[in-house]
């Protein structure tokens, strides 16, 4: 019997055996389904995928075979930015050159400084050779053009070693998710990262790096065990509004983003749940890793969020845009219909999964230019960081 799965999702494109088309047509009309395609046109699920890609179909498809069993195909919205043809060469302490989860500061664009300790761009990231989290320890790189990256003098990676706890197969301990933030009052870098004891807790740590490259002590900012039913705390994205106003957003790995507040960047409030517009965006998406940058001209904080369709596998991810007003930091809006970025074509370095992305917002004469460093996985399980740039069509207010 034909499954009614996903009939409440709008919009949705169905395929079905010809004998079921009349039944499906009636259900589709009630649910405002965009289109119906007979399954007999396709020999396999893969040929349906190719058809959807060629026709630029931007809605989920329910593929129903002749036995009446359903399988979902999430066709991602056309992306606004082009994928990088090649990844960047970024040195890693264990020698693989594979990295992920970048967090970039452009001192020229963001702070009107030519450089900090000799470099315009500073990046926090973690090595991730073949997806091995034992090496996923926070590291730094620097650049003067955003393309060519080196380990800056005075820095020895990793900045924190793999946690040395007694582990079991159920409780696996590792570092991840670095976030780099500049404090203009102290002229110091703040390196945050997540320590995860799988299925047990998430901890957010901080190290301050002074202008003379002296490192402060490792400090524990918060720990979440999900005892409040809200889940853990992944991928911190932090905005420093002023000396006494700091904001941090995290995801819980399921469907929620939370907000914490602080007066010093170290001691954080209890978290607040944010609203969830991604529940309905293009059929519904789940946020996983987030990055945030302020846009003071528009009085908003902008977010790039990688996540997956609620109708597809976890690995079928894309990058989408969201924003909050600086006066209402728990209320997200998603004004862009299209994805910012989707995974690359087969055999490209990013053909398996788009992951955490960092960016800058640069003001032009009539629009904003976004410079984007994104991490991704290939089908050969290699992880790298690439660069792209372009305009998204976000709201622009002239001076």
Protein backbone atom coordinates (compact mmCIF):
# COMPACT_ATOMS: atom_id res chain seq x y z
CA UNK A 1 0.00 0.00 0.00
CA UNK A 2 1.23 3.48 -0.81
CA UNK A 3 2.60 5.21 2.26
CA UNK A 4 1.18 8.55 3.37
CA UNK A 5 4.65 9.50 4.65
CA UNK A 6 5.54 13.17 4.13
CA UNK A 7 2.08 14.15 2.87
CA UNK A 8 2.04 17.05 5.30
CA UNK A 9 5.28 18.46 3.88
CA UNK A 10 4.95 21.37 1.46
CA UNK A 11 6.05 21.46 -1.26
CA UNK A 12 6.82 17.88 -2.27
CA UNK A 13 7.28 16.19 -5.62
CA UNK A 14 6.01 12.61 -5.92
CA UNK A 15 6.90 9.81 -8.23
CA UNK A 16 4.66 6.78 -8.32
CA UNK A 17 3.56 3.83 -10.42
CA UNK A 18 1.06 4.83 -13.08
CA UNK A 19 -1.71 2.83 -11.47
CA UNK A 20 -1.43 4.96 -8.34
CA UNK A 21 -1.28 8.35 -10.04
CA UNK A 22 -4.97 9.17 -9.63
CA UNK A 23 -4.82 8.42 -5.91
CA UNK A 24 -1.63 10.43 -5.56
CA UNK A 25 -3.03 13.29 -7.63
CA UNK A 26 -5.91 13.76 -5.20
CA UNK A 27 -3.59 13.69 -2.20
CA UNK A 28 -1.16 15.99 -3.96
CA UNK A 29 -3.87 18.54 -4.71
CA UNK A 30 -4.89 18.64 -1.06
CA UNK A 31 -1.28 19.16 -0.01
CA UNK A 32 -0.32 21.58 -2.80
CA UNK A 33 2.32 19.26 -4.19
CA UNK A 34 4.32 20.94 -6.94
CA UNK A 35 4.48 18.09 -9.44
CA UNK A 36 3.94 14.37 -10.08
CA UNK A 37 6.18 12.16 -12.17
CA UNK A 38 5.41 8.50 -13.05
CA UNK A 39 7.99 6.16 -11.57
CA UNK A 40 8.08 4.12 -14.78
CA UNK A 41 10.12 6.92 -16.33
CA UNK A 42 13.06 5.98 -14.13
CA UNK A 43 15.05 2.77 -13.84
CA UNK A 44 16.40 3.59 -10.42
CA UNK A 45 16.54 6.11 -7.62
CA UNK A 46 19.81 7.43 -9.11
CA UNK A 47 18.20 8.24 -12.46
CA UNK A 48 15.51 10.15 -10.60
CA UNK A 49 18.25 12.11 -8.83
CA UNK A 50 19.84 12.98 -12.16
CA UNK A 51 16.48 14.07 -13.56
CA UNK A 52 15.84 16.34 -10.58
CA UNK A 53 19.29 17.89 -10.87
CA UNK A 54 18.94 18.51 -14.61
CA UNK A 55 15.51 20.10 -14.17
CA UNK A 56 16.74 22.17 -11.21
CA UNK A 57 13.94 20.86 -9.01
CA UNK A 58 14.34 22.47 -5.60
CA UNK A 59 11.84 20.50 -3.54
CA UNK A 60 12.01 17.10 -1.85
CA UNK A 61 10.89 14.11 -3.92
CA UNK A 62 9.19 11.00 -2.59
CA UNK A 63 10.24 8.08 -4.80
CA UNK A 64 7.64 5.30 -4.60
CA UNK A 65 8.55 2.00 -6.27
CA UNK A 66 6.14 -0.50 -7.73
CA UNK A 67 5.77 -2.32 -4.44
CA UNK A 68 4.49 0.87 -2.88
CA UNK A 69 7.52 1.48 -0.65
CA UNK A 70 8.68 5.08 -0.36
CA UNK A 71 12.14 6.61 -0.29
CA UNK A 72 12.87 10.32 0.01
CA UNK A 73 15.21 12.32 -2.19
CA UNK A 74 16.05 15.78 -0.87
CA UNK A 75 16.87 17.99 -3.83
CA UNK A 76 18.70 20.96 -2.42
CA UNK A 77 17.91 24.54 -3.40
CA UNK A 78 20.17 26.04 -6.02
CA UNK A 79 23.15 27.61 -4.27
CA UNK A 80 24.04 31.30 -4.36
CA UNK A 81 27.82 30.78 -4.31
CA UNK A 82 30.06 28.67 -6.49
CA UNK A 83 32.01 25.83 -4.95
CA UNK A 84 35.76 26.20 -4.72
CA UNK A 85 37.44 24.17 -7.50
CA UNK A 86 40.30 23.27 -5.17
CA UNK A 87 40.93 23.30 -1.44
CA UNK A 88 43.49 25.47 0.34
CA UNK A 89 46.82 24.18 1.55
CA UNK A 90 46.77 24.63 5.34
CA UNK A 91 49.52 23.01 7.43
CA UNK A 92 48.44 20.61 10.17
CA UNK A 93 50.57 19.51 13.11
CA UNK A 94 50.25 15.78 12.29
CA UNK A 95 51.21 16.28 8.64
CA UNK A 96 48.07 15.22 6.77
CA UNK A 97 47.05 18.70 5.56
CA UNK A 98 43.42 17.71 6.24
CA UNK A 99 41.46 20.23 8.32
CA UNK A 100 37.95 21.25 9.24
CA UNK A 101 35.76 23.71 11.18
CA UNK A 102 37.51 27.01 10.29
CA UNK A 103 36.96 30.25 12.19
CA UNK A 104 38.56 33.25 10.44
CA UNK A 105 39.17 36.84 11.55
CA UNK A 106 39.94 39.47 8.88
CA UNK A 107 41.47 42.30 10.90
CA UNK A 108 41.25 44.76 8.00
CA UNK A 109 37.55 44.31 7.29
CA UNK A 110 36.34 43.62 10.81
CA UNK A 111 38.54 45.89 12.96
CA UNK A 112 40.15 48.35 10.54
CA UNK A 113 43.59 47.04 11.44
CA UNK A 114 46.19 46.19 8.82
CA UNK A 115 47.36 43.18 10.81
CA UNK A 116 47.67 41.45 14.17
CA UNK A 117 51.13 40.04 14.89
CA UNK A 118 52.16 40.36 11.27
CA UNK A 119 49.12 38.86 9.54
CA UNK A 120 45.82 40.25 8.29
CA UNK A 121 43.95 36.90 8.59
CA UNK A 122 44.00 34.50 11.51
CA UNK A 123 42.25 31.13 11.46
CA UNK A 124 41.41 28.59 14.13
CA UNK A 125 40.67 25.09 12.86
CA UNK A 126 41.25 21.44 13.71
CA UNK A 127 43.06 18.72 11.76
CA UNK A 128 40.71 15.87 10.84
CA UNK A 129 42.64 13.24 8.86
CA UNK A 130 40.17 10.72 7.42
CA UNK A 131 37.67 11.87 10.05
CA UNK A 132 39.88 10.79 12.98
CA UNK A 133 38.79 12.85 16.00
CA UNK A 134 41.93 11.90 17.96
CA UNK A 135 43.69 14.68 16.01
CA UNK A 136 40.80 17.17 16.20
CA UNK A 137 42.69 19.59 18.45
CA UNK A 138 42.50 23.41 18.14
CA UNK A 139 45.19 24.89 15.89
CA UNK A 140 46.05 28.28 14.42
CA UNK A 141 47.12 29.44 10.96
CA UNK A 142 47.64 32.92 9.52
CA UNK A 143 47.65 34.58 6.11
CA UNK A 144 48.00 37.96 4.43
CA UNK A 145 45.77 37.18 1.44
CA UNK A 146 43.25 34.68 2.79
CA UNK A 147 44.55 32.04 0.38
CA UNK A 148 48.06 31.11 1.46
CA UNK A 149 48.24 29.95 5.07
CA UNK A 150 51.17 29.28 7.39
CA UNK A 151 51.75 28.52 11.06
CA UNK A 152 52.69 31.98 12.37
CA UNK A 153 55.97 32.47 14.25
CA UNK A 154 55.53 31.97 17.96
CA UNK A 155 52.67 29.47 17.56
CA UNK A 156 53.07 25.75 18.19
CA UNK A 157 50.12 23.55 17.20
CA UNK A 158 48.07 22.01 18.62
CA UNK A 159 47.15 24.56 21.26
CA UNK A 160 45.44 21.85 23.31
CA UNK A 161 46.08 18.12 23.24
CA UNK A 162 43.57 15.31 23.00
CA UNK A 163 41.77 14.95 26.37
CA UNK A 164 43.36 12.23 28.46
CA UNK A 165 40.39 10.61 30.13
CA UNK A 166 39.71 6.93 30.70
CA UNK A 167 37.48 5.97 27.82
CA UNK A 168 35.12 3.17 26.90
CA UNK A 169 33.62 2.47 23.46
CA UNK A 170 30.46 4.23 24.66
CA UNK A 171 32.22 7.30 26.09
CA UNK A 172 34.69 8.64 23.53
CA UNK A 173 36.48 11.89 24.39
CA UNK A 174 37.81 14.46 21.91
CA UNK A 175 38.18 18.19 21.13
CA UNK A 176 36.37 19.98 18.28
CA UNK A 177 34.59 23.13 17.10
CA UNK A 178 37.08 26.00 17.61
CA UNK A 179 35.89 29.62 17.54
CA UNK A 180 38.29 32.57 17.29
CA UNK A 181 37.32 36.02 18.57
CA UNK A 182 39.22 39.30 18.90
CA UNK A 183 38.87 41.61 21.90
CA UNK A 184 39.83 45.15 20.78
CA UNK A 185 39.96 46.44 24.36
CA UNK A 186 42.72 44.05 25.37
CA UNK A 187 44.00 43.49 21.80
CA UNK A 188 43.93 39.78 22.52
CA UNK A 189 42.61 36.72 20.73
CA UNK A 190 40.11 34.50 22.49
CA UNK A 191 40.23 30.89 21.36
CA UNK A 192 37.17 28.85 22.33
CA UNK A 193 36.60 25.19 21.59
CA UNK A 194 34.37 22.31 22.54
CA UNK A 195 35.47 19.24 24.46
CA UNK A 196 33.06 16.38 23.99
CA UNK A 197 32.66 13.24 26.04
CA UNK A 198 30.31 11.46 23.69
CA UNK A 199 26.85 10.75 25.11
CA UNK A 200 27.78 12.45 28.38
CA UNK A 201 28.80 16.15 28.23
CA UNK A 202 29.98 19.09 26.14
CA UNK A 203 32.42 21.59 27.65
CA UNK A 204 33.37 24.98 26.20
CA UNK A 205 36.93 26.07 27.01
CA UNK A 206 38.81 29.32 26.40
CA UNK A 207 42.45 30.38 26.10
CA UNK A 208 43.40 34.06 25.77
CA UNK A 209 46.34 34.92 23.51
CA UNK A 210 47.91 38.27 24.36
CA UNK A 211 49.41 40.72 21.79
CA UNK A 212 52.90 39.40 22.64
CA UNK A 213 51.63 35.84 21.92
CA UNK A 214 51.72 34.84 25.57
CA UNK A 215 49.07 32.25 26.33
CA UNK A 216 46.77 32.45 29.31
CA UNK A 217 45.53 29.49 31.30
CA UNK A 218 42.89 27.19 29.88
CA UNK A 219 39.54 28.20 31.41
CA UNK A 220 36.29 26.25 31.55
CA UNK A 221 33.44 28.50 30.38
CA UNK A 222 30.51 26.12 30.67
CA UNK A 223 29.47 22.49 30.73
CA UNK A 224 26.22 21.04 29.40
CA UNK A 225 24.99 17.52 30.09
CA UNK A 226 21.55 17.93 28.61
CA UNK A 227 19.94 17.38 31.98
CA UNK A 228 17.42 20.13 31.21
CA UNK A 229 16.18 18.22 28.18
CA UNK A 230 17.66 20.76 25.78
CA UNK A 231 20.59 18.63 24.62
CA UNK A 232 24.30 19.46 24.54
CA UNK A 233 26.24 22.49 23.24
CA UNK A 234 27.95 22.18 19.85
CA UNK A 235 29.73 24.66 17.59
CA UNK A 236 29.89 27.87 19.64
CA UNK A 237 29.43 31.04 17.58
CA UNK A 238 30.33 34.16 19.57
CA UNK A 239 29.73 37.87 19.07
CA UNK A 240 31.31 40.48 21.34
CA UNK A 241 28.96 43.45 21.24
CA UNK A 242 30.92 45.50 23.80
CA UNK A 243 33.25 45.07 26.74
CA UNK A 244 30.38 43.94 28.95
CA UNK A 245 28.10 42.29 26.38
CA UNK A 246 29.03 38.94 24.88
CA UNK A 247 26.67 36.55 23.09
CA UNK A 248 27.19 32.88 22.29
CA UNK A 249 24.95 30.65 20.19
CA UNK A 250 25.28 26.85 20.17
CA UNK A 251 23.35 24.01 18.54
CA UNK A 252 22.17 20.89 20.31
CA UNK A 253 22.80 18.54 17.37
CA UNK A 254 19.09 18.01 16.71
CA UNK A 255 16.88 20.96 15.87
CA UNK A 256 17.62 23.75 18.36
CA UNK A 257 19.92 26.74 18.66
CA UNK A 258 20.47 28.22 22.12
CA UNK A 259 21.75 31.60 23.25
CA UNK A 260 24.04 32.34 26.22
CA UNK A 261 25.05 35.79 27.46
CA UNK A 262 28.10 37.00 29.37
CA UNK A 263 29.65 40.18 30.77
CA UNK A 264 33.26 39.04 30.35
CA UNK A 265 33.36 36.26 27.74
CA UNK A 266 34.14 33.73 30.44
CA UNK A 267 31.12 33.37 32.74
CA UNK A 268 27.95 32.57 30.81
CA UNK A 269 24.27 32.70 31.68
CA UNK A 270 21.82 29.85 31.52
CA UNK A 271 20.84 29.22 27.94
CA UNK A 272 17.72 30.40 26.18
CA UNK A 273 16.00 28.56 23.38
CA UNK A 274 15.84 30.42 20.06
CA UNK A 275 12.99 30.16 17.57
CA UNK A 276 13.22 27.62 14.73
CA UNK A 277 12.43 28.99 11.24
CA UNK A 278 14.48 26.15 9.66
CA UNK A 279 11.61 23.81 10.58
CA UNK A 280 9.80 25.02 7.45
CA UNK A 281 12.55 26.45 5.22
CA UNK A 282 12.46 24.52 1.91
CA UNK A 283 10.60 21.63 3.50
CA UNK A 284 12.46 21.69 6.81
CA UNK A 285 16.12 21.53 7.84
CA UNK A 286 18.14 20.65 10.94
CA UNK A 287 21.01 23.01 11.95
CA UNK A 288 24.29 21.43 12.95
CA UNK A 289 27.25 23.86 12.95
CA UNK A 290 26.95 27.63 12.93
CA UNK A 291 29.07 30.74 12.41
CA UNK A 292 28.09 34.33 13.23
CA UNK A 293 29.34 37.77 12.18
CA UNK A 294 27.94 41.21 13.03
CA UNK A 295 26.64 43.55 10.32
CA UNK A 296 26.50 46.90 12.11
CA UNK A 297 25.18 48.80 9.10
CA UNK A 298 22.03 46.66 9.16
CA UNK A 299 22.01 46.23 12.96
CA UNK A 300 21.92 42.44 12.60
CA UNK A 301 24.06 39.41 13.32
CA UNK A 302 24.34 37.12 10.31
CA UNK A 303 24.69 33.34 10.42
CA UNK A 304 25.91 30.68 8.05
CA UNK A 305 24.51 27.32 9.19
CA UNK A 306 25.25 23.92 7.74
CA UNK A 307 22.49 21.38 8.15
CA UNK A 308 20.55 18.61 6.50
CA UNK A 309 17.05 18.21 5.15
CA UNK A 310 14.54 16.57 7.46
CA UNK A 311 13.78 14.27 4.51
CA UNK A 312 17.33 13.13 3.81
CA UNK A 313 20.37 11.54 5.30
CA UNK A 314 22.56 13.40 7.78
CA UNK A 315 25.34 13.63 5.18
CA UNK A 316 23.21 15.37 2.56
CA UNK A 317 24.01 18.82 3.91
CA UNK A 318 24.01 22.34 2.60
CA UNK A 319 24.76 25.81 3.92
CA UNK A 320 21.93 28.21 4.63
CA UNK A 321 21.69 31.82 5.80
CA UNK A 322 19.91 33.21 8.85
CA UNK A 323 20.01 36.45 10.85
CA UNK A 324 18.90 38.03 14.11
CA UNK A 325 18.38 41.63 15.09
CA UNK A 326 21.02 42.89 17.50
CA UNK A 327 18.11 43.88 19.75
CA UNK A 328 16.46 40.45 19.64
CA UNK A 329 19.20 37.81 19.47
CA UNK A 330 16.94 34.77 20.00
CA UNK A 331 14.61 35.50 17.07
CA UNK A 332 16.01 34.11 13.82
CA UNK A 333 14.83 35.02 10.35
CA UNK A 334 15.62 33.26 7.07
CA UNK A 335 15.06 35.81 4.30
CA UNK A 336 16.88 33.94 1.51
CA UNK A 337 15.11 31.17 -0.39
CA UNK A 338 18.24 29.66 -1.87
CA UNK A 339 21.06 27.84 -0.13
CA UNK A 340 24.35 29.68 0.23
CA UNK A 341 26.34 26.60 -0.79
CA UNK A 342 25.74 22.93 -1.60
CA UNK A 343 28.18 20.05 -1.92
CA UNK A 344 30.31 19.88 -5.04
CA UNK A 345 29.99 17.70 -8.12
CA UNK A 346 31.19 14.10 -8.08
CA UNK A 347 34.98 13.80 -7.80
CA UNK A 348 35.35 17.35 -6.51
CA UNK A 349 37.09 17.71 -3.14
CA UNK A 350 33.77 18.67 -1.49
CA UNK A 351 31.45 16.10 -3.10
CA UNK A 352 30.28 14.35 0.08
CA UNK A 353 29.30 16.92 2.75
CA UNK A 354 29.47 20.65 3.42
CA UNK A 355 30.53 21.34 6.99
CA UNK A 356 31.21 24.35 9.24
CA UNK A 357 31.82 27.62 7.42
CA UNK A 358 33.26 30.98 8.41
CA UNK A 359 32.87 34.27 6.57
CA UNK A 360 33.29 38.04 6.48
CA UNK A 361 30.77 40.66 5.37
CA UNK A 362 32.25 43.42 3.21
CA UNK A 363 30.29 46.49 2.23
CA UNK A 364 30.15 47.46 -1.45
CA UNK A 365 28.46 50.31 -3.29
CA UNK A 366 25.12 48.57 -3.63
CA UNK A 367 25.39 45.19 -1.88
CA UNK A 368 27.44 43.09 0.52
CA UNK A 369 30.26 40.83 -0.57
CA UNK A 370 30.70 37.65 1.43
CA UNK A 371 34.13 36.04 1.67
CA UNK A 372 33.70 32.44 2.72
CA UNK A 373 36.03 29.74 4.02
CA UNK A 374 34.22 26.42 4.25
CA UNK A 375 35.15 22.92 5.29
CA UNK A 376 33.89 19.86 3.49
CA UNK A 377 34.36 16.12 3.14
CA UNK A 378 34.96 14.18 -0.06
CA UNK A 379 33.59 10.73 -0.86
CA UNK A 380 37.11 9.46 -0.21
CA UNK A 381 36.71 10.64 3.42
CA UNK A 382 39.21 13.47 3.09
CA UNK A 383 38.54 16.73 4.91
CA UNK A 384 39.72 20.11 3.66
CA UNK A 385 38.97 23.85 3.75
CA UNK A 386 38.20 25.84 0.60
CA UNK A 387 37.47 29.45 -0.28
CA UNK A 388 34.72 31.12 -2.29
CA UNK A 389 33.11 34.55 -2.41
CA UNK A 390 30.12 36.38 -3.84
CA UNK A 391 26.91 38.27 -3.21
CA UNK A 392 23.87 36.73 -1.55
CA UNK A 393 21.20 39.37 -2.11
CA UNK A 394 20.82 40.21 1.58
CA UNK A 395 19.10 43.46 2.52
CA UNK A 396 21.35 46.46 1.83
CA UNK A 397 20.84 49.95 3.25
CA UNK A 398 22.85 52.79 1.68
CA UNK A 399 24.77 55.13 3.95
